[in-house]
């Protein structure tokens, strides 16, 4: 997948491109320093009302509206 297709800007344009938004705001909600997890909230104002979208950064660097799975501790025999 090309980098432009995985960028946050391209996803925002894809999701809200034709909504007739009067303003769009972006805020960083979570940033875990140990795991470098990021969650971004997009606030969109339009004549019909306001809505928000959440985007989550995955380990491969891509952004999705679905959060990444949490890595769980695992045990194995050597």
PDB file of N, CA and C in Angstrom:
ATOM      1  N   UNK A   1       0.851  -1.173   0.000  1.00  0.00           N
ATOM      2  CA  UNK A   1       0.000   0.000   0.000  1.00  0.00           C
ATOM      3  C   UNK A   1       0.897   1.237   0.000  1.00  0.00           C
ATOM      4  N   UNK A   2       0.605   2.192  -0.802  1.00  0.00           N
ATOM      5  CA  UNK A   2       1.405   3.400  -0.908  1.00  0.00           C
ATOM      6  C   UNK A   2       1.285   4.227   0.366  1.00  0.00           C
ATOM      7  N   UNK A   3       2.335   5.001   0.662  1.00  0.00           N
ATOM      8  CA  UNK A   3       2.333   5.827   1.873  1.00  0.00           C
ATOM      9  C   UNK A   3       1.190   6.829   1.859  1.00  0.00           C
ATOM     10  N   UNK A   4       0.892   7.427   0.705  1.00  0.00           N
ATOM     11  CA  UNK A   4      -0.188   8.416   0.621  1.00  0.00           C
ATOM     12  C   UNK A   4      -1.531   7.805   0.973  1.00  0.00           C
ATOM     13  N   UNK A   5      -1.730   6.527   0.662  1.00  0.00           N
ATOM     14  CA  UNK A   5      -3.004   5.872   0.969  1.00  0.00           C
ATOM     15  C   UNK A   5      -3.141   5.590   2.463  1.00  0.00           C
ATOM     16  N   UNK A   6      -2.027   5.554   3.191  1.00  0.00           N
ATOM     17  CA  UNK A   6      -2.070   5.271   4.614  1.00  0.00           C
ATOM     18  C   UNK A   6      -1.988   6.535   5.457  1.00  0.00           C
ATOM     19  N   UNK A   7      -1.825   7.689   4.844  1.00  0.00           N
ATOM     20  CA  UNK A   7      -1.664   8.912   5.623  1.00  0.00           C
ATOM     21  C   UNK A   7      -2.983   9.318   6.275  1.00  0.00           C
ATOM     22  N   UNK A   8      -2.866   9.981   7.400  1.00  0.00           N
ATOM     23  CA  UNK A   8      -4.056  10.439   8.117  1.00  0.00           C
ATOM     24  C   UNK A   8      -4.835  11.450   7.291  1.00  0.00           C
ATOM     25  N   UNK A   9      -4.142  12.321   6.595  1.00  0.00           N
ATOM     26  CA  UNK A   9      -4.803  13.331   5.766  1.00  0.00           C
ATOM     27  C   UNK A   9      -5.676  12.683   4.690  1.00  0.00           C
ATOM     28  N   UNK A  10      -5.162  11.658   4.021  1.00  0.00           N
ATOM     29  CA  UNK A  10      -5.929  10.981   2.972  1.00  0.00           C
ATOM     30  C   UNK A  10      -7.156  10.282   3.552  1.00  0.00           C
ATOM     31  N   UNK A  11      -7.017   9.690   4.730  1.00  0.00           N
ATOM     32  CA  UNK A  11      -8.173   9.033   5.350  1.00  0.00           C
ATOM     33  C   UNK A  11      -9.243  10.042   5.748  1.00  0.00           C
ATOM     34  N   UNK A  12      -8.812  11.178   6.273  1.00  0.00           N
ATOM     35  CA  UNK A  12      -9.790  12.216   6.649  1.00  0.00           C
ATOM     36  C   UNK A  12     -10.541  12.697   5.417  1.00  0.00           C
ATOM     37  N   UNK A  13      -9.819  12.951   4.334  1.00  0.00           N
ATOM     38  CA  UNK A  13     -10.472  13.380   3.095  1.00  0.00           C
ATOM     39  C   UNK A  13     -11.415  12.301   2.567  1.00  0.00           C
ATOM     40  N   UNK A  14     -11.043  11.035   2.721  1.00  0.00           N
ATOM     41  CA  UNK A  14     -11.894   9.933   2.266  1.00  0.00           C
ATOM     42  C   UNK A  14     -13.191   9.879   3.083  1.00  0.00           C
ATOM     43  N   UNK A  15     -13.079  10.016   4.417  1.00  0.00           N
ATOM     44  CA  UNK A  15     -14.238   9.867   5.287  1.00  0.00           C
ATOM     45  C   UNK A  15     -15.148  11.084   5.300  1.00  0.00           C
ATOM     46  N   UNK A  16     -14.595  12.292   5.167  1.00  0.00           N
ATOM     47  CA  UNK A  16     -15.442  13.481   5.275  1.00  0.00           C
ATOM     48  C   UNK A  16     -15.413  14.339   4.023  1.00  0.00           C
ATOM     49  N   UNK A  17     -14.900  13.822   2.933  1.00  0.00           N
ATOM     50  CA  UNK A  17     -14.712  14.598   1.713  1.00  0.00           C
ATOM     51  C   UNK A  17     -15.944  15.328   1.220  1.00  0.00           C
ATOM     52  N   UNK A  18     -17.105  14.714   1.169  1.00  0.00           N
ATOM     53  CA  UNK A  18     -18.291  15.343   0.594  1.00  0.00           C
ATOM     54  C   UNK A  18     -19.334  15.740   1.609  1.00  0.00           C
ATOM     55  N   UNK A  19     -18.926  16.061   2.834  1.00  0.00           N
ATOM     56  CA  UNK A  19     -19.922  16.368   3.866  1.00  0.00           C
ATOM     57  C   UNK A  19     -20.322  17.828   3.905  1.00  0.00           C
ATOM     58  N   UNK A  20     -19.639  18.697   3.183  1.00  0.00           N
ATOM     59  CA  UNK A  20     -19.935  20.129   3.240  1.00  0.00           C
ATOM     60  C   UNK A  20     -19.547  20.724   4.574  1.00  0.00           C
ATOM     61  N   UNK A  21     -18.429  20.266   5.117  1.00  0.00           N
ATOM     62  CA  UNK A  21     -17.980  20.706   6.434  1.00  0.00           C
ATOM     63  C   UNK A  21     -17.622  22.186   6.424  1.00  0.00           C
ATOM     64  N   UNK A  22     -18.046  22.885   7.485  1.00  0.00           N
ATOM     65  CA  UNK A  22     -17.685  24.291   7.621  1.00  0.00           C
ATOM     66  C   UNK A  22     -16.358  24.433   8.353  1.00  0.00           C
ATOM     67  N   UNK A  23     -16.028  23.488   9.242  1.00  0.00           N
ATOM     68  CA  UNK A  23     -14.723  23.485   9.897  1.00  0.00           C
ATOM     69  C   UNK A  23     -14.371  22.071  10.343  1.00  0.00           C
ATOM     70  N   UNK A  24     -13.074  21.819  10.401  1.00  0.00           N
ATOM     71  CA  UNK A  24     -12.567  20.514  10.828  1.00  0.00           C
ATOM     72  C   UNK A  24     -11.469  20.770  11.847  1.00  0.00           C
ATOM     73  N   UNK A  25     -11.549  20.089  12.986  1.00  0.00           N
ATOM     74  CA  UNK A  25     -10.536  20.226  14.026  1.00  0.00           C
ATOM     75  C   UNK A  25      -9.906  18.882  14.326  1.00  0.00           C
ATOM     76  N   UNK A  26      -8.639  18.892  14.673  1.00  0.00           N
ATOM     77  CA  UNK A  26      -7.910  17.671  14.979  1.00  0.00           C
ATOM     78  C   UNK A  26      -7.307  17.803  16.365  1.00  0.00           C
ATOM     79  N   UNK A  27      -7.473  16.760  17.199  1.00  0.00           N
ATOM     80  CA  UNK A  27      -6.844  16.772  18.516  1.00  0.00           C
ATOM     81  C   UNK A  27      -6.248  15.408  18.814  1.00  0.00           C
ATOM     82  N   UNK A  28      -5.051  15.423  19.405  1.00  0.00           N
ATOM     83  CA  UNK A  28      -4.367  14.203  19.802  1.00  0.00           C
ATOM     84  C   UNK A  28      -4.923  13.786  21.151  1.00  0.00           C
ATOM     85  N   UNK A  29      -5.487  12.584  21.230  1.00  0.00           N
ATOM     86  CA  UNK A  29      -6.115  12.150  22.477  1.00  0.00           C
ATOM     87  C   UNK A  29      -5.208  11.331  23.358  1.00  0.00           C
ATOM     88  N   UNK A  30      -4.475  10.412  22.787  1.00  0.00           N
ATOM     89  CA  UNK A  30      -3.655   9.530  23.610  1.00  0.00           C
ATOM     90  C   UNK A  30      -2.307   9.336  22.949  1.00  0.00           C
ATOM     91  N   UNK A  31      -1.301   9.324  23.788  1.00  0.00           N
ATOM     92  CA  UNK A  31       0.039   9.079  23.277  1.00  0.00           C
ATOM     93  C   UNK A  31       0.785   8.322  24.353  1.00  0.00           C
ATOM     94  N   UNK A  32       0.865   7.014  24.206  1.00  0.00           N
ATOM     95  CA  UNK A  32       1.590   6.198  25.165  1.00  0.00           C
ATOM     96  C   UNK A  32       3.070   6.206  24.825  1.00  0.00           C
ATOM     97  N   UNK A  33       3.901   6.683  25.731  1.00  0.00           N
ATOM     98  CA  UNK A  33       5.322   6.811  25.426  1.00  0.00           C
ATOM     99  C   UNK A  33       6.001   5.456  25.308  1.00  0.00           C
ATOM    100  N   UNK A  34       5.588   4.480  26.099  1.00  0.00           N
ATOM    101  CA  UNK A  34       6.244   3.171  26.042  1.00  0.00           C
ATOM    102  C   UNK A  34       5.923   2.446  24.735  1.00  0.00           C
ATOM    103  N   UNK A  35       4.676   2.444  24.323  1.00  0.00           N
ATOM    104  CA  UNK A  35       4.254   1.704  23.128  1.00  0.00           C
ATOM    105  C   UNK A  35       4.040   2.621  21.931  1.00  0.00           C
ATOM    106  N   UNK A  36       4.136   3.932  22.136  1.00  0.00           N
ATOM    107  CA  UNK A  36       3.932   4.932  21.086  1.00  0.00           C
ATOM    108  C   UNK A  36       2.585   4.749  20.389  1.00  0.00           C
ATOM    109  N   UNK A  37       1.534   4.544  21.176  1.00  0.00           N
ATOM    110  CA  UNK A  37       0.177   4.442  20.641  1.00  0.00           C
ATOM    111  C   UNK A  37      -0.383   5.826  20.439  1.00  0.00           C
ATOM    112  N   UNK A  38      -1.071   6.024  19.338  1.00  0.00           N
ATOM    113  CA  UNK A  38      -1.660   7.329  19.062  1.00  0.00           C
ATOM    114  C   UNK A  38      -3.120   7.170  18.693  1.00  0.00           C
ATOM    115  N   UNK A  39      -3.918   8.104  19.183  1.00  0.00           N
ATOM    116  CA  UNK A  39      -5.331   8.171  18.851  1.00  0.00           C
ATOM    117  C   UNK A  39      -5.638   9.629  18.550  1.00  0.00           C
ATOM    118  N   UNK A  40      -6.269   9.882  17.418  1.00  0.00           N
ATOM    119  CA  UNK A  40      -6.581  11.235  16.995  1.00  0.00           C
ATOM    120  C   UNK A  40      -8.090  11.360  16.828  1.00  0.00           C
ATOM    121  N   UNK A  41      -8.629  12.455  17.325  1.00  0.00           N
ATOM    122  CA  UNK A  41     -10.062  12.720  17.179  1.00  0.00           C
ATOM    123  C   UNK A  41     -10.242  13.851  16.176  1.00  0.00           C
ATOM    124  N   UNK A  42     -11.090  13.628  15.181  1.00  0.00           N
ATOM    125  CA  UNK A  42     -11.402  14.624  14.167  1.00  0.00           C
ATOM    126  C   UNK A  42     -12.810  15.147  14.448  1.00  0.00           C
ATOM    127  N   UNK A  43     -12.931  16.450  14.693  1.00  0.00           N
ATOM    128  CA  UNK A  43     -14.229  17.087  14.930  1.00  0.00           C
ATOM    129  C   UNK A  43     -14.653  17.782  13.645  1.00  0.00           C
ATOM    130  N   UNK A  44     -15.842  17.475  13.178  1.00  0.00           N
ATOM    131  CA  UNK A  44     -16.328  18.048  11.926  1.00  0.00           C
ATOM    132  C   UNK A  44     -17.628  18.799  12.201  1.00  0.00           C
ATOM    133  N   UNK A  45     -17.638  20.062  11.839  1.00  0.00           N
ATOM    134  CA  UNK A  45     -18.857  20.870  11.955  1.00  0.00           C
ATOM    135  C   UNK A  45     -19.420  21.079  10.563  1.00  0.00           C
ATOM    136  N   UNK A  46     -20.714  20.860  10.452  1.00  0.00           N
ATOM    137  CA  UNK A  46     -21.410  21.065   9.177  1.00  0.00           C
ATOM    138  C   UNK A  46     -22.805  21.588   9.472  1.00  0.00           C
ATOM    139  N   UNK A  47     -23.506  22.084   8.499  1.00  0.00           N
ATOM    140  CA  UNK A  47     -24.841  22.661   8.745  1.00  0.00           C
ATOM    141  C   UNK A  47     -25.825  21.692   9.403  1.00  0.00           C
ATOM    142  N   UNK A  48     -25.739  20.411   9.096  1.00  0.00           N
ATOM    143  CA  UNK A  48     -26.676  19.432   9.660  1.00  0.00           C
ATOM    144  C   UNK A  48     -26.333  19.044  11.096  1.00  0.00           C
ATOM    145  N   UNK A  49     -25.133  19.360  11.557  1.00  0.00           N
ATOM    146  CA  UNK A  49     -24.728  18.999  12.913  1.00  0.00           C
ATOM    147  C   UNK A  49     -23.235  18.728  12.988  1.00  0.00           C
ATOM    148  N   UNK A  50     -22.798  18.363  14.176  1.00  0.00           N
ATOM    149  CA  UNK A  50     -21.394  18.105  14.429  1.00  0.00           C
ATOM    150  C   UNK A  50     -21.191  16.616  14.691  1.00  0.00           C
ATOM    151  N   UNK A  51     -20.061  16.068  14.222  1.00  0.00           N
ATOM    152  CA  UNK A  51     -19.730  14.686  14.537  1.00  0.00           C
ATOM    153  C   UNK A  51     -18.225  14.553  14.702  1.00  0.00           C
ATOM    154  N   UNK A  52     -17.815  13.434  15.276  1.00  0.00           N
ATOM    155  CA  UNK A  52     -16.398  13.192  15.520  1.00  0.00           C
ATOM    156  C   UNK A  52     -16.033  11.797  15.019  1.00  0.00           C
ATOM    157  N   UNK A  53     -14.813  11.671  14.541  1.00  0.00           N
ATOM    158  CA  UNK A  53     -14.256  10.390  14.118  1.00  0.00           C
ATOM    159  C   UNK A  53     -12.957  10.161  14.881  1.00  0.00           C
ATOM    160  N   UNK A  54     -12.703   8.925  15.255  1.00  0.00           N
ATOM    161  CA  UNK A  54     -11.460   8.575  15.930  1.00  0.00           C
ATOM    162  C   UNK A  54     -10.612   7.737  14.990  1.00  0.00           C
ATOM    163  N   UNK A  55      -9.337   8.072  14.896  1.00  0.00           N
ATOM    164  CA  UNK A  55      -8.392   7.313  14.089  1.00  0.00           C
ATOM    165  C   UNK A  55      -7.279   6.811  14.997  1.00  0.00           C
ATOM    166  N   UNK A  56      -6.884   5.555  14.791  1.00  0.00           N
ATOM    167  CA  UNK A  56      -5.870   4.917  15.613  1.00  0.00           C
ATOM    168  C   UNK A  56      -4.667   4.547  14.754  1.00  0.00           C
ATOM    169  N   UNK A  57      -3.466   4.814  15.260  1.00  0.00           N
ATOM    170  CA  UNK A  57      -2.242   4.480  14.544  1.00  0.00           C
ATOM    171  C   UNK A  57      -1.851   3.054  14.881  1.00  0.00           C
ATOM    172  N   UNK A  58      -1.613   2.246  13.860  1.00  0.00           N
ATOM    173  CA  UNK A  58      -1.220   0.855  14.043  1.00  0.00           C
ATOM    174  C   UNK A  58       0.295   0.718  13.975  1.00  0.00           C
ATOM    175  N   UNK A  59       0.804  -0.440  14.357  1.00  0.00           N
ATOM    176  CA  UNK A  59       2.241  -0.674  14.412  1.00  0.00           C
ATOM    177  C   UNK A  59       2.929  -0.529  13.059  1.00  0.00           C
ATOM    178  N   UNK A  60       2.211  -0.781  11.975  1.00  0.00           N
ATOM    179  CA  UNK A  60       2.810  -0.655  10.646  1.00  0.00           C
ATOM    180  C   UNK A  60       2.816   0.789  10.143  1.00  0.00           C
ATOM    181  N   UNK A  61       2.331   1.736  10.959  1.00  0.00           N
ATOM    182  CA  UNK A  61       2.339   3.142  10.589  1.00  0.00           C
ATOM    183  C   UNK A  61       1.053   3.617   9.928  1.00  0.00           C
ATOM    184  N   UNK A  62       0.115   2.722   9.679  1.00  0.00           N
ATOM    185  CA  UNK A  62      -1.134   3.104   9.031  1.00  0.00           C
ATOM    186  C   UNK A  62      -2.148   3.588  10.068  1.00  0.00           C
ATOM    187  N   UNK A  63      -3.135   4.340   9.602  1.00  0.00           N
ATOM    188  CA  UNK A  63      -4.209   4.861  10.442  1.00  0.00           C
ATOM    189  C   UNK A  63      -5.506   4.142  10.084  1.00  0.00           C
ATOM    190  N   UNK A  64      -6.284   3.767  11.111  1.00  0.00           N
ATOM    191  CA  UNK A  64      -7.563   3.082  10.913  1.00  0.00           C
ATOM    192  C   UNK A  64      -8.579   3.596  11.924  1.00  0.00           C
ATOM    193  N   UNK A  65      -9.867   3.394  11.639  1.00  0.00           N
ATOM    194  CA  UNK A  65     -10.907   3.754  12.595  1.00  0.00           C
ATOM    195  C   UNK A  65     -11.112   2.645  13.626  1.00  0.00           C
ATOM    196  N   UNK A  66     -10.471   1.524  13.433  1.00  0.00           N
ATOM    197  CA  UNK A  66     -10.520   0.401  14.368  1.00  0.00           C
ATOM    198  C   UNK A  66      -9.214   0.393  15.156  1.00  0.00           C
ATOM    199  N   UNK A  67      -9.269   0.341  16.510  1.00  0.00           N
ATOM    200  CA  UNK A  67      -8.029   0.349  17.291  1.00  0.00           C
ATOM    201  C   UNK A  67      -7.221  -0.929  17.073  1.00  0.00           C
ATOM    202  N   UNK A  68      -5.896  -0.836  17.214  1.00  0.00           N
ATOM    203  CA  UNK A  68      -5.066  -2.031  17.065  1.00  0.00           C
ATOM    204  C   UNK A  68      -5.285  -2.979  18.231  1.00  0.00           C
ATOM    205  N   UNK A  69      -5.015  -4.248  17.984  1.00  0.00           N
ATOM    206  CA  UNK A  69      -5.133  -5.230  19.057  1.00  0.00           C
ATOM    207  C   UNK A  69      -4.035  -5.006  20.079  1.00  0.00           C
ATOM    208  N   UNK A  70      -4.364  -5.222  21.325  1.00  0.00           N
ATOM    209  CA  UNK A  70      -3.392  -5.083  22.393  1.00  0.00           C
ATOM    210  C   UNK A  70      -2.492  -6.308  22.398  1.00  0.00           C
ATOM    211  N   UNK A  71      -1.185  -6.076  22.493  1.00  0.00           N
ATOM    212  CA  UNK A  71      -0.251  -7.194  22.580  1.00  0.00           C
ATOM    213  C   UNK A  71      -0.315  -7.746  23.998  1.00  0.00           C
ATOM    214  N   UNK A  72      -0.616  -9.008  24.087  1.00  0.00           N
ATOM    215  CA  UNK A  72      -0.767  -9.643  25.382  1.00  0.00           C
ATOM    216  C   UNK A  72       0.494 -10.450  25.711  1.00  0.00           C
ATOM    217  N   UNK A  73       0.829 -10.541  26.985  1.00  0.00           N
ATOM    218  CA  UNK A  73       1.988 -11.363  27.351  1.00  0.00           C
ATOM    219  C   UNK A  73       1.714 -12.824  27.011  1.00  0.00           C
ATOM    220  N   UNK A  74       2.752 -13.506  26.619  1.00  0.00           N
ATOM    221  CA  UNK A  74       2.614 -14.924  26.260  1.00  0.00           C
ATOM    222  C   UNK A  74       3.760 -15.718  26.880  1.00  0.00           C
ATOM    223  N   UNK A  75       3.474 -16.948  27.192  1.00  0.00           N
ATOM    224  CA  UNK A  75       4.498 -17.838  27.747  1.00  0.00           C
ATOM    225  C   UNK A  75       4.734 -18.977  26.768  1.00  0.00           C
ATOM    226  N   UNK A  76       5.964 -19.413  26.720  1.00  0.00           N
ATOM    227  CA  UNK A  76       6.270 -20.567  25.894  1.00  0.00           C
ATOM    228  C   UNK A  76       7.415 -21.340  26.525  1.00  0.00           C
ATOM    229  N   UNK A  77       7.500 -22.590  26.166  1.00  0.00           N
ATOM    230  CA  UNK A  77       8.594 -23.425  26.645  1.00  0.00           C
ATOM    231  C   UNK A  77       9.792 -23.227  25.723  1.00  0.00           C
ATOM    232  N   UNK A  78      10.953 -23.126  26.313  1.00  0.00           N
ATOM    233  CA  UNK A  78      12.130 -22.905  25.469  1.00  0.00           C
ATOM    234  C   UNK A  78      12.514 -24.179  24.858  1.00  0.00           C
TER     235      UNK A  78
END
